[in-house]
N, C-alpha and C. Protein backbone atom coordinates (compact mmCIF):
# COMPACT_ATOMS: atom_id res chain seq x y z
N VAL A 1 42.84 -4.91 -4.89
CA VAL A 1 42.52 -5.03 -6.28
C VAL A 1 43.56 -4.27 -7.11
N ALA A 2 43.88 -3.07 -6.68
CA ALA A 2 44.88 -2.28 -7.42
C ALA A 2 46.20 -3.04 -7.48
N LYS A 3 46.61 -3.60 -6.37
CA LYS A 3 47.87 -4.35 -6.31
C LYS A 3 47.80 -5.59 -7.21
N ASP A 4 46.68 -6.32 -7.15
CA ASP A 4 46.53 -7.53 -7.96
C ASP A 4 46.56 -7.23 -9.45
N LEU A 5 46.04 -6.06 -9.84
CA LEU A 5 46.02 -5.67 -11.26
C LEU A 5 47.31 -4.98 -11.68
N GLY A 6 48.16 -4.66 -10.71
CA GLY A 6 49.40 -3.96 -11.02
C GLY A 6 49.15 -2.51 -11.40
N LEU A 7 48.14 -1.88 -10.81
CA LEU A 7 47.79 -0.49 -11.10
C LEU A 7 48.03 0.38 -9.87
N GLN A 8 48.33 1.64 -10.11
CA GLN A 8 48.39 2.62 -9.03
C GLN A 8 46.95 2.97 -8.64
N LEU A 9 46.76 3.46 -7.44
CA LEU A 9 45.42 3.81 -6.98
C LEU A 9 44.75 4.84 -7.90
N THR A 10 45.51 5.80 -8.39
CA THR A 10 44.92 6.81 -9.28
C THR A 10 44.43 6.20 -10.58
N ALA A 11 45.06 5.12 -11.02
CA ALA A 11 44.65 4.46 -12.27
C ALA A 11 43.29 3.79 -12.13
N LEU A 12 42.89 3.42 -10.92
CA LEU A 12 41.57 2.80 -10.73
C LEU A 12 40.47 3.74 -11.18
N SER A 13 40.54 4.99 -10.75
CA SER A 13 39.50 5.94 -11.16
C SER A 13 39.70 6.38 -12.60
N ASP A 14 40.94 6.53 -13.04
CA ASP A 14 41.22 6.93 -14.42
C ASP A 14 40.69 5.92 -15.42
N ARG A 15 40.74 4.65 -15.08
CA ARG A 15 40.28 3.58 -15.96
C ARG A 15 38.82 3.22 -15.72
N GLY A 16 38.17 3.91 -14.80
CA GLY A 16 36.75 3.65 -14.54
C GLY A 16 36.50 2.26 -13.99
N VAL A 17 37.41 1.76 -13.15
CA VAL A 17 37.27 0.42 -12.60
C VAL A 17 36.03 0.37 -11.70
N ARG A 18 35.22 -0.67 -11.89
CA ARG A 18 34.03 -0.84 -11.07
C ARG A 18 33.76 -2.33 -10.86
N VAL A 19 33.05 -2.62 -9.80
CA VAL A 19 32.69 -3.99 -9.45
C VAL A 19 31.21 -4.18 -9.75
N VAL A 20 30.88 -5.28 -10.44
CA VAL A 20 29.50 -5.57 -10.80
C VAL A 20 29.15 -6.95 -10.26
N SER A 21 28.06 -7.02 -9.48
CA SER A 21 27.58 -8.29 -8.93
C SER A 21 26.40 -8.78 -9.74
N GLU A 22 26.14 -10.08 -9.68
CA GLU A 22 24.96 -10.64 -10.32
C GLU A 22 23.72 -10.11 -9.61
N GLY A 23 22.66 -9.93 -10.34
CA GLY A 23 21.41 -9.48 -9.72
C GLY A 23 21.36 -7.98 -9.54
N ARG A 24 20.33 -7.55 -8.83
CA ARG A 24 20.09 -6.12 -8.65
C ARG A 24 20.93 -5.51 -7.54
N THR A 25 21.22 -6.27 -6.51
CA THR A 25 21.96 -5.75 -5.37
C THR A 25 23.46 -5.85 -5.62
N GLN A 26 24.16 -4.75 -5.45
CA GLN A 26 25.61 -4.73 -5.59
C GLN A 26 26.23 -4.91 -4.21
N TYR A 27 26.74 -6.11 -3.94
CA TYR A 27 27.25 -6.43 -2.61
C TYR A 27 28.68 -5.96 -2.39
N PHE A 28 29.41 -5.67 -3.46
CA PHE A 28 30.82 -5.30 -3.33
C PHE A 28 31.11 -3.97 -4.01
N ALA A 29 32.16 -3.31 -3.54
CA ALA A 29 32.61 -2.05 -4.13
C ALA A 29 34.12 -1.93 -3.93
N LEU A 30 34.71 -0.99 -4.61
CA LEU A 30 36.13 -0.70 -4.42
C LEU A 30 36.26 0.51 -3.50
N HIS A 31 37.10 0.38 -2.50
CA HIS A 31 37.38 1.51 -1.61
C HIS A 31 38.29 2.47 -2.38
N GLY A 32 37.85 3.70 -2.57
CA GLY A 32 38.56 4.67 -3.40
C GLY A 32 39.96 5.03 -2.93
N LYS A 33 40.19 5.04 -1.62
CA LYS A 33 41.49 5.46 -1.10
C LYS A 33 42.49 4.33 -0.95
N THR A 34 41.99 3.09 -0.83
CA THR A 34 42.91 1.96 -0.62
C THR A 34 42.96 0.99 -1.79
N GLY A 35 41.92 0.98 -2.62
CA GLY A 35 41.85 0.01 -3.71
C GLY A 35 41.42 -1.37 -3.27
N HIS A 36 40.96 -1.48 -2.02
CA HIS A 36 40.52 -2.77 -1.49
C HIS A 36 39.09 -3.08 -1.93
N LEU A 37 38.80 -4.36 -2.08
CA LEU A 37 37.45 -4.82 -2.33
C LEU A 37 36.73 -4.87 -0.98
N VAL A 38 35.59 -4.18 -0.88
CA VAL A 38 34.86 -4.10 0.38
C VAL A 38 33.40 -4.46 0.15
N THR A 39 32.70 -4.78 1.22
CA THR A 39 31.26 -5.04 1.10
C THR A 39 30.53 -3.71 1.04
N ALA A 40 29.57 -3.63 0.13
CA ALA A 40 28.80 -2.41 -0.07
C ALA A 40 27.41 -2.53 0.54
N GLU A 41 26.97 -3.75 0.76
CA GLU A 41 25.65 -4.02 1.33
C GLU A 41 25.78 -5.12 2.37
N ARG A 42 24.83 -5.19 3.25
CA ARG A 42 24.79 -6.27 4.23
C ARG A 42 24.53 -7.58 3.49
N ILE A 43 25.28 -8.61 3.80
CA ILE A 43 25.13 -9.91 3.16
C ILE A 43 24.48 -10.87 4.15
N ASP A 44 23.27 -11.30 3.84
CA ASP A 44 22.51 -12.21 4.68
C ASP A 44 22.55 -13.60 4.07
N ARG A 45 23.41 -14.46 4.60
CA ARG A 45 23.59 -15.80 4.04
C ARG A 45 22.30 -16.60 4.02
N GLU A 46 21.51 -16.53 5.07
CA GLU A 46 20.27 -17.30 5.14
C GLU A 46 19.28 -16.87 4.05
N GLN A 47 19.27 -15.61 3.72
CA GLN A 47 18.37 -15.13 2.68
C GLN A 47 18.88 -15.52 1.29
N LEU A 48 20.18 -15.46 1.07
CA LEU A 48 20.75 -15.72 -0.25
C LEU A 48 20.92 -17.20 -0.57
N CYS A 49 21.28 -17.98 0.43
CA CYS A 49 21.66 -19.38 0.20
C CYS A 49 21.00 -20.32 1.20
N ARG A 50 19.71 -20.23 1.35
CA ARG A 50 19.00 -21.01 2.37
C ARG A 50 19.31 -22.50 2.37
N LEU A 51 19.18 -23.12 1.22
CA LEU A 51 19.28 -24.57 1.14
C LEU A 51 20.61 -25.05 0.57
N VAL A 52 21.56 -24.16 0.43
CA VAL A 52 22.85 -24.50 -0.18
C VAL A 52 23.93 -24.50 0.89
N GLU A 53 24.71 -25.59 0.94
CA GLU A 53 25.76 -25.67 1.95
C GLU A 53 26.89 -24.69 1.65
N LYS A 54 27.30 -24.61 0.39
CA LYS A 54 28.39 -23.72 -0.01
C LYS A 54 27.79 -22.49 -0.68
N CYS A 55 27.91 -21.34 -0.04
CA CYS A 55 27.32 -20.11 -0.55
C CYS A 55 28.40 -19.29 -1.27
N VAL A 56 28.17 -18.98 -2.54
CA VAL A 56 29.14 -18.25 -3.34
C VAL A 56 28.47 -17.02 -3.95
N LEU A 57 29.07 -15.86 -3.76
CA LEU A 57 28.61 -14.64 -4.42
C LEU A 57 29.64 -14.28 -5.47
N ARG A 58 29.20 -14.13 -6.69
CA ARG A 58 30.11 -13.81 -7.78
C ARG A 58 30.01 -12.33 -8.13
N CYS A 59 31.15 -11.79 -8.55
CA CYS A 59 31.17 -10.42 -9.03
C CYS A 59 32.23 -10.31 -10.12
N GLU A 60 32.12 -9.28 -10.93
CA GLU A 60 33.09 -9.03 -11.99
C GLU A 60 33.71 -7.67 -11.79
N LEU A 61 34.95 -7.55 -12.18
CA LEU A 61 35.66 -6.29 -12.13
C LEU A 61 35.76 -5.77 -13.56
N ILE A 62 35.21 -4.60 -13.82
CA ILE A 62 35.23 -4.00 -15.15
C ILE A 62 36.31 -2.94 -15.19
N VAL A 63 37.23 -3.04 -16.18
CA VAL A 63 38.32 -2.08 -16.33
C VAL A 63 38.31 -1.59 -17.77
N LYS A 64 38.29 -0.27 -17.96
CA LYS A 64 38.34 0.29 -19.30
C LYS A 64 39.77 0.27 -19.82
N GLY A 65 39.93 0.02 -21.10
CA GLY A 65 41.26 0.04 -21.71
C GLY A 65 41.90 -1.32 -21.70
N VAL A 66 43.00 -1.41 -22.38
CA VAL A 66 43.74 -2.67 -22.52
C VAL A 66 44.62 -2.90 -21.30
N MET A 67 44.63 -4.14 -20.82
CA MET A 67 45.47 -4.50 -19.68
C MET A 67 46.68 -5.26 -20.18
């Protein structure tokens, strides 16, 4: 994520970068030392997308300040 945004790793915390998922469960997070997007919770496809062939989990990346 840091690389894709063109930010240094320290800028992620300085800008308060966070990942927000739809719903109550936050399935994704940013790894503080690498800037990688990682899973924060166990993802159970059968529970989330029982009757759907293509299962998509959406999330947003929130960054403070102008990019």
